[in-house]
PDB file of N, CA and C in Angstrom:
ATOM      1  N   MET A   1       8.258   9.420   0.654  1.00  0.00           N
ATOM      2  CA  MET A   1       8.162   8.222  -0.042  1.00  0.00           C
ATOM      3  C   MET A   1       6.962   8.294  -1.312  1.00  0.00           C
ATOM      4  N   THR A   2       7.509   8.160  -2.372  1.00  0.00           N
ATOM      5  CA  THR A   2       6.345   8.098  -3.187  1.00  0.00           C
ATOM      6  C   THR A   2       5.076   7.276  -3.375  1.00  0.00           C
ATOM      7  N   PRO A   3       4.256   7.437  -3.940  1.00  0.00           N
ATOM      8  CA  PRO A   3       2.962   6.459  -3.970  1.00  0.00           C
ATOM      9  C   PRO A   3       3.390   5.196  -4.238  1.00  0.00           C
ATOM     10  N   ILE A   4       4.120   5.089  -5.117  1.00  0.00           N
ATOM     11  CA  ILE A   4       4.530   3.681  -5.884  1.00  0.00           C
ATOM     12  C   ILE A   4       5.077   2.937  -4.545  1.00  0.00           C
ATOM     13  N   ALA A   5       6.242   3.438  -4.031  1.00  0.00           N
ATOM     14  CA  ALA A   5       6.909   2.872  -3.037  1.00  0.00           C
ATOM     15  C   ALA A   5       6.208   2.656  -1.967  1.00  0.00           C
ATOM     16  N   LYS A   6       5.373   3.785  -1.572  1.00  0.00           N
ATOM     17  CA  LYS A   6       4.259   3.273  -0.221  1.00  0.00           C
ATOM     18  C   LYS A   6       3.396   1.936  -0.763  1.00  0.00           C
ATOM     19  N   VAL A   7       2.700   2.199  -1.739  1.00  0.00           N
ATOM     20  CA  VAL A   7       2.188   0.927  -2.087  1.00  0.00           C
ATOM     21  C   VAL A   7       2.654  -0.490  -2.314  1.00  0.00           C
ATOM     22  N   ALA A   8       4.127  -0.354  -3.156  1.00  0.00           N
ATOM     23  CA  ALA A   8       5.012  -1.564  -2.784  1.00  0.00           C
ATOM     24  C   ALA A   8       4.978  -2.211  -1.581  1.00  0.00           C
ATOM     25  N   SER A   9       5.570  -1.245  -0.320  1.00  0.00           N
ATOM     26  CA  SER A   9       5.971  -1.452   0.964  1.00  0.00           C
ATOM     27  C   SER A   9       5.114  -1.803   1.424  1.00  0.00           C
ATOM     28  N   ASP A  10       3.456  -1.843   1.286  1.00  0.00           N
ATOM     29  CA  ASP A  10       2.411  -2.249   1.965  1.00  0.00           C
ATOM     30  C   ASP A  10       2.094  -3.750   1.242  1.00  0.00           C
ATOM     31  N   LEU A  11       2.479  -3.981   0.276  1.00  0.00           N
ATOM     32  CA  LEU A  11       2.015  -5.714  -0.214  1.00  0.00           C
ATOM     33  C   LEU A  11       2.517  -6.730   0.730  1.00  0.00           C
ATOM     34  N   ASP A  12       1.625  -7.754   0.827  1.00  0.00           N
ATOM     35  CA  ASP A  12       1.859  -8.826   1.438  1.00  0.00           C
ATOM     36  C   ASP A  12       2.782  -9.755   0.513  1.00  0.00           C
ATOM     37  N   SER A  13       3.087 -10.917   1.156  1.00  0.00           N
ATOM     38  CA  SER A  13       3.911 -11.767   0.131  1.00  0.00           C
ATOM     39  C   SER A  13       3.043 -12.369  -1.182  1.00  0.00           C
ATOM     40  N   PHE A  14       2.035 -12.799  -1.055  1.00  0.00           N
ATOM     41  CA  PHE A  14       1.400 -13.015  -2.150  1.00  0.00           C
ATOM     42  C   PHE A  14       1.235 -12.139  -3.139  1.00  0.00           C
ATOM     43  N   ALA A  15       0.763 -10.682  -2.596  1.00  0.00           N
ATOM     44  CA  ALA A  15       0.594  -9.530  -3.583  1.00  0.00           C
ATOM     45  C   ALA A  15       2.185  -9.320  -4.226  1.00  0.00           C
ATOM     46  N   CYS A  16       3.060  -9.484  -3.388  1.00  0.00           N
ATOM     47  CA  CYS A  16       4.442  -9.321  -4.135  1.00  0.00           C
ATOM     48  C   CYS A  16       4.503 -10.254  -5.021  1.00  0.00           C
ATOM     49  N   ASP A  17       4.326 -11.699  -4.960  1.00  0.00           N
ATOM     50  CA  ASP A  17       4.367 -12.852  -5.634  1.00  0.00           C
ATOM     51  C   ASP A  17       3.347 -12.178  -7.095  1.00  0.00           C
ATOM     52  N   CYS A  18       2.175 -11.724  -6.937  1.00  0.00           N
ATOM     53  CA  CYS A  18       1.616 -11.415  -7.996  1.00  0.00           C
ATOM     54  C   CYS A  18       2.331 -10.137  -8.757  1.00  0.00           C
ATOM     55  N   ALA A  19       2.822  -9.236  -8.205  1.00  0.00           N
ATOM     56  CA  ALA A  19       3.723  -8.352  -8.693  1.00  0.00           C
ATOM     57  C   ALA A  19       4.628  -8.900  -9.521  1.00  0.00           C
ATOM     58  N   VAL A  20       5.514  -9.516  -8.771  1.00  0.00           N
ATOM     59  CA  VAL A  20       6.667 -10.277  -9.671  1.00  0.00           C
ATOM     60  C   VAL A  20       6.194 -11.331 -11.406  1.00  0.00           C
ATOM     61  N   THR A  21       4.735 -11.726 -10.850  1.00  0.00           N
ATOM     62  CA  THR A  21       4.197 -12.391 -12.001  1.00  0.00           C
ATOM     63  C   THR A  21       3.995 -11.475 -13.101  1.00  0.00           C
ATOM     64  N   VAL A  22       3.361 -10.237 -12.759  1.00  0.00           N
ATOM     65  CA  VAL A  22       2.905  -9.135 -13.731  1.00  0.00           C
ATOM     66  C   VAL A  22       4.508  -8.633 -14.382  1.00  0.00           C
ATOM     67  N   ALA A  23       5.472  -8.668 -13.706  1.00  0.00           N
ATOM     68  CA  ALA A  23       6.794  -8.138 -14.177  1.00  0.00           C
ATOM     69  C   ALA A  23       7.161  -9.312 -15.368  1.00  0.00           C
ATOM     70  N   LEU A  24       7.104 -10.593 -15.067  1.00  0.00           N
ATOM     71  CA  LEU A  24       7.230 -11.425 -15.755  1.00  0.00           C
ATOM     72  C   LEU A  24       6.428 -11.362 -17.435  1.00  0.00           C
ATOM     73  N   LYS A  25       5.317 -11.260 -17.028  1.00  0.00           N
ATOM     74  CA  LYS A  25       4.346 -11.188 -18.383  1.00  0.00           C
ATOM     75  C   LYS A  25       4.570  -9.720 -18.970  1.00  0.00           C
ATOM     76  N   ILE A  26       4.947  -8.832 -18.258  1.00  0.00           N
ATOM     77  CA  ILE A  26       5.516  -7.660 -18.847  1.00  0.00           C
ATOM     78  C   ILE A  26       6.309  -7.692 -19.706  1.00  0.00           C
ATOM     79  N   THR A  27       7.718  -8.466 -18.955  1.00  0.00           N
ATOM     80  CA  THR A  27       8.877  -8.670 -19.448  1.00  0.00           C
ATOM     81  C   THR A  27       8.798  -9.506 -21.012  1.00  0.00           C
ATOM     82  N   ASP A  28       8.111 -10.698 -21.017  1.00  0.00           N
ATOM     83  CA  ASP A  28       7.938 -11.569 -22.159  1.00  0.00           C
ATOM     84  C   ASP A  28       6.961 -11.013 -23.151  1.00  0.00           C
ATOM     85  N   ASP A  29       6.519  -9.960 -22.536  1.00  0.00           N
ATOM     86  CA  ASP A  29       5.299  -9.064 -23.893  1.00  0.00           C
ATOM     87  C   ASP A  29       4.061 -10.108 -23.736  1.00  0.00           C
ATOM     88  N   SER A  30       3.827 -10.670 -22.486  1.00  0.00           N
ATOM     89  CA  SER A  30       2.194 -11.490 -22.839  1.00  0.00           C
ATOM     90  C   SER A  30       1.246 -10.668 -22.193  1.00  0.00           C
ATOM     91  N   CYS A  31       1.697  -9.666 -21.361  1.00  0.00           N
ATOM     92  CA  CYS A  31       0.717  -8.675 -20.707  1.00  0.00           C
ATOM     93  C   CYS A  31      -0.153  -8.112 -21.752  1.00  0.00           C
ATOM     94  N   LYS A  32      -1.377  -7.848 -21.640  1.00  0.00           N
ATOM     95  CA  LYS A  32      -2.056  -7.242 -22.687  1.00  0.00           C
ATOM     96  C   LYS A  32      -2.537  -5.816 -21.987  1.00  0.00           C
ATOM     97  N   MET A  33      -1.762  -5.071 -20.808  1.00  0.00           N
ATOM     98  CA  MET A  33      -1.944  -3.458 -20.719  1.00  0.00           C
ATOM     99  C   MET A  33      -1.702  -2.656 -21.455  1.00  0.00           C
ATOM    100  N   ASP A  34      -1.884  -1.582 -21.606  1.00  0.00           N
ATOM    101  CA  ASP A  34      -1.403  -0.506 -22.527  1.00  0.00           C
ATOM    102  C   ASP A  34       0.103   0.019 -21.446  1.00  0.00           C
ATOM    103  N   GLU A  35       0.821   0.842 -22.509  1.00  0.00           N
ATOM    104  CA  GLU A  35       2.113   1.113 -22.032  1.00  0.00           C
ATOM    105  C   GLU A  35       2.228   1.925 -20.652  1.00  0.00           C
ATOM    106  N   GLU A  36       1.256   2.493 -20.666  1.00  0.00           N
ATOM    107  CA  GLU A  36       0.944   3.749 -18.897  1.00  0.00           C
ATOM    108  C   GLU A  36       0.834   2.645 -17.958  1.00  0.00           C
ATOM    109  N   GLN A  37       0.105   1.421 -18.119  1.00  0.00           N
ATOM    110  CA  GLN A  37       0.028   0.496 -16.973  1.00  0.00           C
ATOM    111  C   GLN A  37       1.198  -0.304 -16.770  1.00  0.00           C
ATOM    112  N   ARG A  38       1.626  -0.749 -18.114  1.00  0.00           N
ATOM    113  CA  ARG A  38       2.834  -1.519 -18.017  1.00  0.00           C
ATOM    114  C   ARG A  38       4.277  -0.876 -17.452  1.00  0.00           C
ATOM    115  N   ALA A  39       4.193   0.489 -17.326  1.00  0.00           N
ATOM    116  CA  ALA A  39       5.313   1.217 -16.625  1.00  0.00           C
ATOM    117  C   ALA A  39       4.920   1.214 -15.300  1.00  0.00           C
ATOM    118  N   LEU A  40       3.733   1.412 -14.962  1.00  0.00           N
ATOM    119  CA  LEU A  40       3.373   1.878 -13.570  1.00  0.00           C
ATOM    120  C   LEU A  40       3.467   0.004 -12.647  1.00  0.00           C
ATOM    121  N   PHE A  41       3.009  -0.765 -13.332  1.00  0.00           N
ATOM    122  CA  PHE A  41       3.214  -2.013 -12.538  1.00  0.00           C
ATOM    123  C   PHE A  41       4.801  -2.449 -12.628  1.00  0.00           C
ATOM    124  N   MET A  42       5.820  -2.102 -13.858  1.00  0.00           N
ATOM    125  CA  MET A  42       7.088  -2.546 -13.490  1.00  0.00           C
ATOM    126  C   MET A  42       7.997  -1.606 -12.650  1.00  0.00           C
ATOM    127  N   ALA A  43       7.379  -0.287 -12.475  1.00  0.00           N
ATOM    128  CA  ALA A  43       7.893   0.628 -11.123  1.00  0.00           C
ATOM    129  C   ALA A  43       7.573  -0.142 -10.158  1.00  0.00           C
ATOM    130  N   LEU A  44       6.247  -0.661  -9.676  1.00  0.00           N
ATOM    131  CA  LEU A  44       5.882  -1.119  -8.653  1.00  0.00           C
ATOM    132  C   LEU A  44       6.849  -2.555  -8.382  1.00  0.00           C
ATOM    133  N   TYR A  45       7.064  -3.180  -9.476  1.00  0.00           N
ATOM    134  CA  TYR A  45       7.918  -4.305  -9.254  1.00  0.00           C
ATOM    135  C   TYR A  45       9.186  -3.850  -8.677  1.00  0.00           C
ATOM    136  N   ASP A  46       9.542  -2.817  -9.202  1.00  0.00           N
ATOM    137  CA  ASP A  46      11.204  -2.245  -9.041  1.00  0.00           C
ATOM    138  C   ASP A  46      11.431  -1.760  -7.580  1.00  0.00           C
ATOM    139  N   HIS A  47      10.265  -1.524  -6.985  1.00  0.00           N
ATOM    140  CA  HIS A  47      10.139  -0.970  -5.612  1.00  0.00           C
ATOM    141  C   HIS A  47       9.614  -1.635  -4.591  1.00  0.00           C
ATOM    142  N   LEU A  48       9.535  -3.379  -5.244  1.00  0.00           N
ATOM    143  CA  LEU A  48       9.401  -4.234  -3.914  1.00  0.00           C
ATOM    144  C   LEU A  48      10.558  -4.220  -2.843  1.00  0.00           C
ATOM    145  N   PRO A  49       9.926  -4.141  -1.769  1.00  0.00           N
ATOM    146  CA  PRO A  49      11.095  -4.486  -0.801  1.00  0.00           C
ATOM    147  C   PRO A  49      11.329  -6.075  -0.551  1.00  0.00           C
ATOM    148  N   PRO A  50      12.475  -6.605  -0.487  1.00  0.00           N
ATOM    149  CA  PRO A  50      12.784  -7.659   0.254  1.00  0.00           C
ATOM    150  C   PRO A  50      11.838  -8.578   0.955  1.00  0.00           C
ATOM    151  N   TYR A  51      11.283  -9.789   0.522  1.00  0.00           N
ATOM    152  CA  TYR A  51      10.279 -10.575   1.055  1.00  0.00           C
ATOM    153  C   TYR A  51      10.679 -11.982   0.539  1.00  0.00           C
ATOM    154  N   LYS A  52       9.798 -12.935   1.710  1.00  0.00           N
ATOM    155  CA  LYS A  52       9.860 -14.311   1.171  1.00  0.00           C
ATOM    156  C   LYS A  52       8.775 -14.672   0.626  1.00  0.00           C
ATOM    157  N   SER A  53       9.242 -15.058  -0.755  1.00  0.00           N
ATOM    158  CA  SER A  53       8.339 -15.959  -1.685  1.00  0.00           C
ATOM    159  C   SER A  53       8.057 -17.351  -1.607  1.00  0.00           C
ATOM    160  N   THR A  54       6.694 -17.662  -2.144  1.00  0.00           N
ATOM    161  CA  THR A  54       6.465 -19.251  -1.894  1.00  0.00           C
ATOM    162  C   THR A  54       6.400 -19.338  -3.054  1.00  0.00           C
ATOM    163  N   LEU A  55       6.375 -18.322  -4.098  1.00  0.00           N
ATOM    164  CA  LEU A  55       6.549 -19.053  -5.563  1.00  0.00           C
ATOM    165  C   LEU A  55       7.772 -19.312  -6.415  1.00  0.00           C
ATOM    166  N   PHE A  56       8.715 -18.097  -5.897  1.00  0.00           N
ATOM    167  CA  PHE A  56       9.779 -17.697  -6.608  1.00  0.00           C
ATOM    168  C   PHE A  56      11.137 -17.717  -5.531  1.00  0.00           C
ATOM    169  N   ASP A  57      12.278 -18.554  -6.287  1.00  0.00           N
ATOM    170  CA  ASP A  57      13.542 -17.882  -5.333  1.00  0.00           C
ATOM    171  C   ASP A  57      14.120 -16.772  -5.940  1.00  0.00           C
ATOM    172  N   ASP A  58      15.225 -16.533  -5.242  1.00  0.00           N
ATOM    173  CA  ASP A  58      15.944 -15.499  -5.388  1.00  0.00           C
ATOM    174  C   ASP A  58      16.293 -15.081  -6.875  1.00  0.00           C
ATOM    175  N   THR A  59      16.915 -16.089  -7.646  1.00  0.00           N
ATOM    176  CA  THR A  59      17.124 -15.946  -8.917  1.00  0.00           C
ATOM    177  C   THR A  59      16.103 -15.188  -9.860  1.00  0.00           C
ATOM    178  N   ILE A  60      14.689 -15.250  -9.517  1.00  0.00           N
ATOM    179  CA  ILE A  60      13.834 -14.669 -10.689  1.00  0.00           C
ATOM    180  C   ILE A  60      13.977 -13.192 -10.911  1.00  0.00           C
ATOM    181  N   HIS A  61      14.580 -12.730  -9.886  1.00  0.00           N
ATOM    182  CA  HIS A  61      14.903 -11.168 -10.037  1.00  0.00           C
ATOM    183  C   HIS A  61      15.892 -10.788 -10.933  1.00  0.00           C
ATOM    184  N   THR A  62      16.895 -11.714 -10.848  1.00  0.00           N
ATOM    185  CA  THR A  62      18.334 -12.054 -11.967  1.00  0.00           C
ATOM    186  C   THR A  62      17.238 -12.160 -13.169  1.00  0.00           C
ATOM    187  N   LEU A  63      16.672 -13.296 -13.223  1.00  0.00           N
ATOM    188  CA  LEU A  63      16.182 -13.564 -14.594  1.00  0.00           C
ATOM    189  C   LEU A  63      15.477 -12.437 -15.084  1.00  0.00           C
ATOM    190  N   ILE A  64      14.491 -11.789 -14.577  1.00  0.00           N
ATOM    191  CA  ILE A  64      14.092 -10.521 -14.995  1.00  0.00           C
ATOM    192  C   ILE A  64      14.929  -9.409 -15.180  1.00  0.00           C
ATOM    193  N   ARG A  65      15.744  -9.225 -14.543  1.00  0.00           N
ATOM    194  CA  ARG A  65      16.785  -8.128 -14.749  1.00  0.00           C
ATOM    195  C   ARG A  65      17.542  -8.133 -16.176  1.00  0.00           C
ATOM    196  N   GLN A  66      17.973  -9.742 -16.253  1.00  0.00           N
ATOM    197  CA  GLN A  66      18.839 -10.169 -17.529  1.00  0.00           C
ATOM    198  C   GLN A  66      18.014  -9.817 -18.885  1.00  0.00           C
ATOM    199  N   THR A  67      16.901 -10.319 -18.455  1.00  0.00           N
ATOM    200  CA  THR A  67      15.745 -10.476 -19.626  1.00  0.00           C
ATOM    201  C   THR A  67      15.441  -8.784 -20.384  1.00  0.00           C
ATOM    202  N   ARG A  68      15.219  -7.933 -19.162  1.00  0.00           N
ATOM    203  CA  ARG A  68      15.018  -6.572 -19.523  1.00  0.00           C
ATOM    204  C   ARG A  68      16.299  -5.854 -20.446  1.00  0.00           C
ATOM    205  N   ALA A  69      17.454  -6.290 -20.012  1.00  0.00           N
ATOM    206  CA  ALA A  69      18.563  -5.847 -20.281  1.00  0.00           C
ATOM    207  C   ALA A  69      19.144  -6.174 -21.416  1.00  0.00           C
ATOM    208  N   ASN A  70      18.967  -7.591 -21.575  1.00  0.00           N
ATOM    209  CA  ASN A  70      19.644  -8.136 -23.043  1.00  0.00           C
ATOM    210  C   ASN A  70      18.566  -9.339 -23.125  1.00  0.00           C
ATOM    211  N   PRO A  71      17.203  -9.077 -24.098  1.00  0.00           N
ATOM    212  CA  PRO A  71      16.530 -10.431 -23.977  1.00  0.00           C
ATOM    213  C   PRO A  71      16.939 -11.013 -25.441  1.00  0.00           C
ATOM    214  N   THR A  72      16.568 -12.629 -25.085  1.00  0.00           N
ATOM    215  CA  THR A  72      17.277 -13.797 -25.807  1.00  0.00           C
ATOM    216  C   THR A  72      15.823 -14.655 -25.830  1.00  0.00           C
ATOM    217  N   ALA A  73      15.929 -15.400 -26.700  1.00  0.00           N
ATOM    218  CA  ALA A  73      14.776 -16.622 -26.758  1.00  0.00           C
ATOM    219  C   ALA A  73      15.178 -17.316 -25.612  1.00  0.00           C
ATOM    220  N   THR A  74      16.307 -17.729 -25.368  1.00  0.00           N
ATOM    221  CA  THR A  74      16.515 -18.909 -23.903  1.00  0.00           C
ATOM    222  C   THR A  74      15.729 -17.927 -23.017  1.00  0.00           C
ATOM    223  N   LEU A  75      16.053 -16.789 -22.579  1.00  0.00           N
ATOM    224  CA  LEU A  75      15.938 -16.223 -21.522  1.00  0.00           C
ATOM    225  C   LEU A  75      13.886 -16.037 -21.720  1.00  0.00           C
ATOM    226  N   TYR A  76      13.396 -15.758 -22.557  1.00  0.00           N
ATOM    227  CA  TYR A  76      12.072 -15.603 -22.744  1.00  0.00           C
ATOM    228  C   TYR A  76      11.151 -16.970 -22.430  1.00  0.00           C
ATOM    229  N   ALA A  77      12.103 -18.110 -22.867  1.00  0.00           N
ATOM    230  CA  ALA A  77      11.723 -19.101 -22.479  1.00  0.00           C
ATOM    231  C   ALA A  77      11.629 -19.481 -20.831  1.00  0.00           C
ATOM    232  N   GLN A  78      12.400 -19.075 -20.435  1.00  0.00           N
ATOM    233  CA  GLN A  78      12.584 -19.299 -18.889  1.00  0.00           C
ATOM    234  C   GLN A  78      11.666 -18.348 -18.386  1.00  0.00           C
ATOM    235  N   ILE A  79      11.484 -17.291 -18.874  1.00  0.00           N
ATOM    236  CA  ILE A  79       9.955 -16.268 -18.246  1.00  0.00           C
ATOM    237  C   ILE A  79       9.123 -16.836 -18.577  1.00  0.00           C
ATOM    238  N   LYS A  80       8.716 -17.530 -19.689  1.00  0.00           N
ATOM    239  CA  LYS A  80       7.558 -18.226 -20.023  1.00  0.00           C
ATOM    240  C   LYS A  80       7.294 -19.305 -18.761  1.00  0.00           C
ATOM    241  N   LYS A  81       8.304 -20.194 -18.674  1.00  0.00           N
ATOM    242  CA  LYS A  81       7.972 -21.419 -17.495  1.00  0.00           C
ATOM    243  C   LYS A  81       7.682 -20.783 -16.120  1.00  0.00           C
ATOM    244  N   GLU A  82       8.429 -19.906 -15.914  1.00  0.00           N
ATOM    245  CA  GLU A  82       8.065 -19.280 -14.363  1.00  0.00           C
ATOM    246  C   GLU A  82       6.743 -18.762 -14.345  1.00  0.00           C
ATOM    247  N   ARG A  83       6.350 -17.823 -15.565  1.00  0.00           N
ATOM    248  CA  ARG A  83       5.365 -17.065 -15.504  1.00  0.00           C
ATOM    249  C   ARG A  83       4.138 -18.111 -15.582  1.00  0.00           C
ATOM    250  N   GLU A  84       3.921 -19.009 -16.153  1.00  0.00           N
ATOM    251  CA  GLU A  84       3.087 -20.301 -16.281  1.00  0.00           C
ATOM    252  C   GLU A  84       2.849 -20.912 -14.977  1.00  0.00           C
ATOM    253  N   MET A  85       4.397 -21.264 -14.452  1.00  0.00           N
ATOM    254  CA  MET A  85       3.889 -21.899 -12.984  1.00  0.00           C
ATOM    255  C   MET A  85       2.820 -21.055 -12.188  1.00  0.00           C
ATOM    256  N   ALA A  86       3.771 -19.555 -12.070  1.00  0.00           N
ATOM    257  CA  ALA A  86       3.036 -18.717 -11.108  1.00  0.00           C
ATOM    258  C   ALA A  86       1.484 -18.530 -11.392  1.00  0.00           C
ATOM    259  N   MET A  87       1.188 -18.458 -12.834  1.00  0.00           N
ATOM    260  CA  MET A  87       0.186 -17.932 -12.700  1.00  0.00           C
ATOM    261  C   MET A  87      -1.251 -19.356 -12.538  1.00  0.00           C
ATOM    262  N   ALA A  88      -0.558 -20.553 -12.826  1.00  0.00           N
ATOM    263  CA  ALA A  88      -1.179 -21.846 -12.065  1.00  0.00           C
ATOM    264  C   ALA A  88      -1.912 -21.722 -10.715  1.00  0.00           C
ATOM    265  N   VAL A  89      -0.889 -21.051  -9.895  1.00  0.00           N
ATOM    266  CA  VAL A  89      -0.914 -21.001  -8.491  1.00  0.00           C
ATOM    267  C   VAL A  89      -2.020 -19.745  -8.300  1.00  0.00           C
ATOM    268  N   ILE A  90      -1.712 -18.597  -8.802  1.00  0.00           N
ATOM    269  CA  ILE A  90      -2.215 -17.354  -8.403  1.00  0.00           C
ATOM    270  C   ILE A  90      -3.661 -17.255  -9.296  1.00  0.00           C
ATOM    271  N   THR A  91      -3.837 -17.679 -10.085  1.00  0.00           N
ATOM    272  CA  THR A  91      -5.285 -17.807 -11.046  1.00  0.00           C
ATOM    273  C   THR A  91      -5.505 -16.497 -11.560  1.00  0.00           C
ATOM    274  N   GLN A  92      -6.074 -16.300 -12.871  1.00  0.00           N
ATOM    275  CA  GLN A  92      -6.514 -15.202 -13.557  1.00  0.00           C
ATOM    276  C   GLN A  92      -7.338 -14.214 -12.774  1.00  0.00           C
ATOM    277  N   GLU A  93      -8.265 -15.015 -11.879  1.00  0.00           N
ATOM    278  CA  GLU A  93      -9.189 -13.803 -11.221  1.00  0.00           C
ATOM    279  C   GLU A  93      -8.349 -13.118  -9.971  1.00  0.00           C
ATOM    280  N   LYS A  94      -7.627 -14.036  -9.202  1.00  0.00           N
ATOM    281  CA  LYS A  94      -6.736 -13.515  -8.133  1.00  0.00           C
ATOM    282  C   LYS A  94      -5.886 -12.416  -8.867  1.00  0.00           C
ATOM    283  N   MET A  95      -5.249 -12.440  -9.615  1.00  0.00           N
ATOM    284  CA  MET A  95      -4.468 -11.631 -10.664  1.00  0.00           C
ATOM    285  C   MET A  95      -5.313 -10.310 -10.947  1.00  0.00           C
ATOM    286  N   LYS A  96      -6.203 -10.570 -11.398  1.00  0.00           N
ATOM    287  CA  LYS A  96      -7.277  -9.040 -11.808  1.00  0.00           C
ATOM    288  C   LYS A  96      -7.529  -8.529 -10.355  1.00  0.00           C
ATOM    289  N   MET A  97      -8.013  -9.337  -9.328  1.00  0.00           N
ATOM    290  CA  MET A  97      -8.214  -8.482  -7.832  1.00  0.00           C
ATOM    291  C   MET A  97      -6.881  -7.624  -7.721  1.00  0.00           C
ATOM    292  N   PHE A  98      -5.823  -8.514  -7.822  1.00  0.00           N
ATOM    293  CA  PHE A  98      -4.575  -7.766  -7.538  1.00  0.00           C
ATOM    294  C   PHE A  98      -4.249  -6.511  -8.046  1.00  0.00           C
ATOM    295  N   LYS A  99      -4.300  -6.548  -9.201  1.00  0.00           N
ATOM    296  CA  LYS A  99      -4.478  -5.399  -9.918  1.00  0.00           C
ATOM    297  C   LYS A  99      -5.190  -4.402  -9.789  1.00  0.00           C
ATOM    298  N   ALA A 100      -6.691  -4.689  -9.513  1.00  0.00           N
ATOM    299  CA  ALA A 100      -7.528  -3.495  -9.293  1.00  0.00           C
ATOM    300  C   ALA A 100      -7.171  -2.917  -7.911  1.00  0.00           C
ATOM    301  N   SER A 101      -6.441  -3.621  -7.093  1.00  0.00           N
ATOM    302  CA  SER A 101      -6.510  -3.360  -5.541  1.00  0.00           C
ATOM    303  C   SER A 101      -5.044  -2.325  -5.739  1.00  0.00           C
ATOM    304  N   VAL A 102      -3.914  -2.782  -6.436  1.00  0.00           N
ATOM    305  CA  VAL A 102      -3.245  -1.936  -6.708  1.00  0.00           C
ATOM    306  C   VAL A 102      -3.515  -0.201  -6.992  1.00  0.00           C
ATOM    307  N   ARG A 103      -4.420  -0.526  -8.335  1.00  0.00           N
ATOM    308  CA  ARG A 103      -4.570   0.870  -8.797  1.00  0.00           C
ATOM    309  C   ARG A 103      -5.446   1.744  -7.745  1.00  0.00           C
ATOM    310  N   GLY A 104      -6.370   1.270  -6.940  1.00  0.00           N
ATOM    311  CA  GLY A 104      -7.121   1.513  -6.063  1.00  0.00           C
ATOM    312  C   GLY A 104      -6.022   2.293  -5.086  1.00  0.00           C
ATOM    313  N   SER A 105      -4.980   1.430  -4.499  1.00  0.00           N
ATOM    314  CA  SER A 105      -3.965   1.820  -3.536  1.00  0.00           C
ATOM    315  C   SER A 105      -3.082   3.063  -3.897  1.00  0.00           C
ATOM    316  N   LEU A 106      -2.983   2.975  -5.253  1.00  0.00           N
ATOM    317  CA  LEU A 106      -2.155   4.270  -5.625  1.00  0.00           C
ATOM    318  C   LEU A 106      -3.166   5.269  -5.990  1.00  0.00           C
ATOM    319  N   LEU A 107      -4.102   5.473  -6.200  1.00  0.00           N
ATOM    320  CA  LEU A 107      -5.271   6.806  -6.095  1.00  0.00           C
ATOM    321  C   LEU A 107      -5.171   7.159  -4.471  1.00  0.00           C
ATOM    322  N   ILE A 108      -5.512   6.230  -3.543  1.00  0.00           N
ATOM    323  CA  ILE A 108      -5.353   6.602  -2.185  1.00  0.00           C
ATOM    324  C   ILE A 108      -4.342   7.135  -1.917  1.00  0.00           C
ATOM    325  N   ALA A 109      -3.015   6.646  -2.005  1.00  0.00           N
ATOM    326  CA  ALA A 109      -1.559   7.005  -1.891  1.00  0.00           C
ATOM    327  C   ALA A 109      -1.301   8.193  -2.193  1.00  0.00           C
ATOM    328  N   GLN A 110      -1.595   8.931  -3.620  1.00  0.00           N
ATOM    329  CA  GLN A 110      -1.537  10.098  -3.951  1.00  0.00           C
ATOM    330  C   GLN A 110      -1.973  11.205  -3.361  1.00  0.00           C
ATOM    331  N   TYR A 111      -3.244  11.196  -2.520  1.00  0.00           N
ATOM    332  CA  TYR A 111      -3.552  12.164  -1.716  1.00  0.00           C
ATOM    333  C   TYR A 111      -3.606  11.905  -0.110  1.00  0.00           C
ATOM    334  N   THR A 112      -2.664  11.058   0.166  1.00  0.00           N
ATOM    335  CA  THR A 112      -2.136  11.239   1.746  1.00  0.00           C
ATOM    336  C   THR A 112      -0.897  11.300   1.905  1.00  0.00           C
TER     337      THR A 112
END
């Protein structure tokens, strides 16, 4: 199992919702991370196991997949709505803690 897959499989449902929210931010280009970090967090999203979300229904993955494949203004508007709803619940402080935790877990997973 790759380090990114290991970290993804160890996330609880709140952290999975954070990963989906980061994917939304990256997809609509509202994320301020550099390209390397964007790639890392999208890989994390791509490795998420199925889980029960408290913020999103199953259509969120279809929305992200469609927007990644064929971005349109309509899809970006839907992404923005979902992202803003999620960030109102998650908060910026918790999101920063999530990202730091993932980065630390990846470092550990690389050496185990």
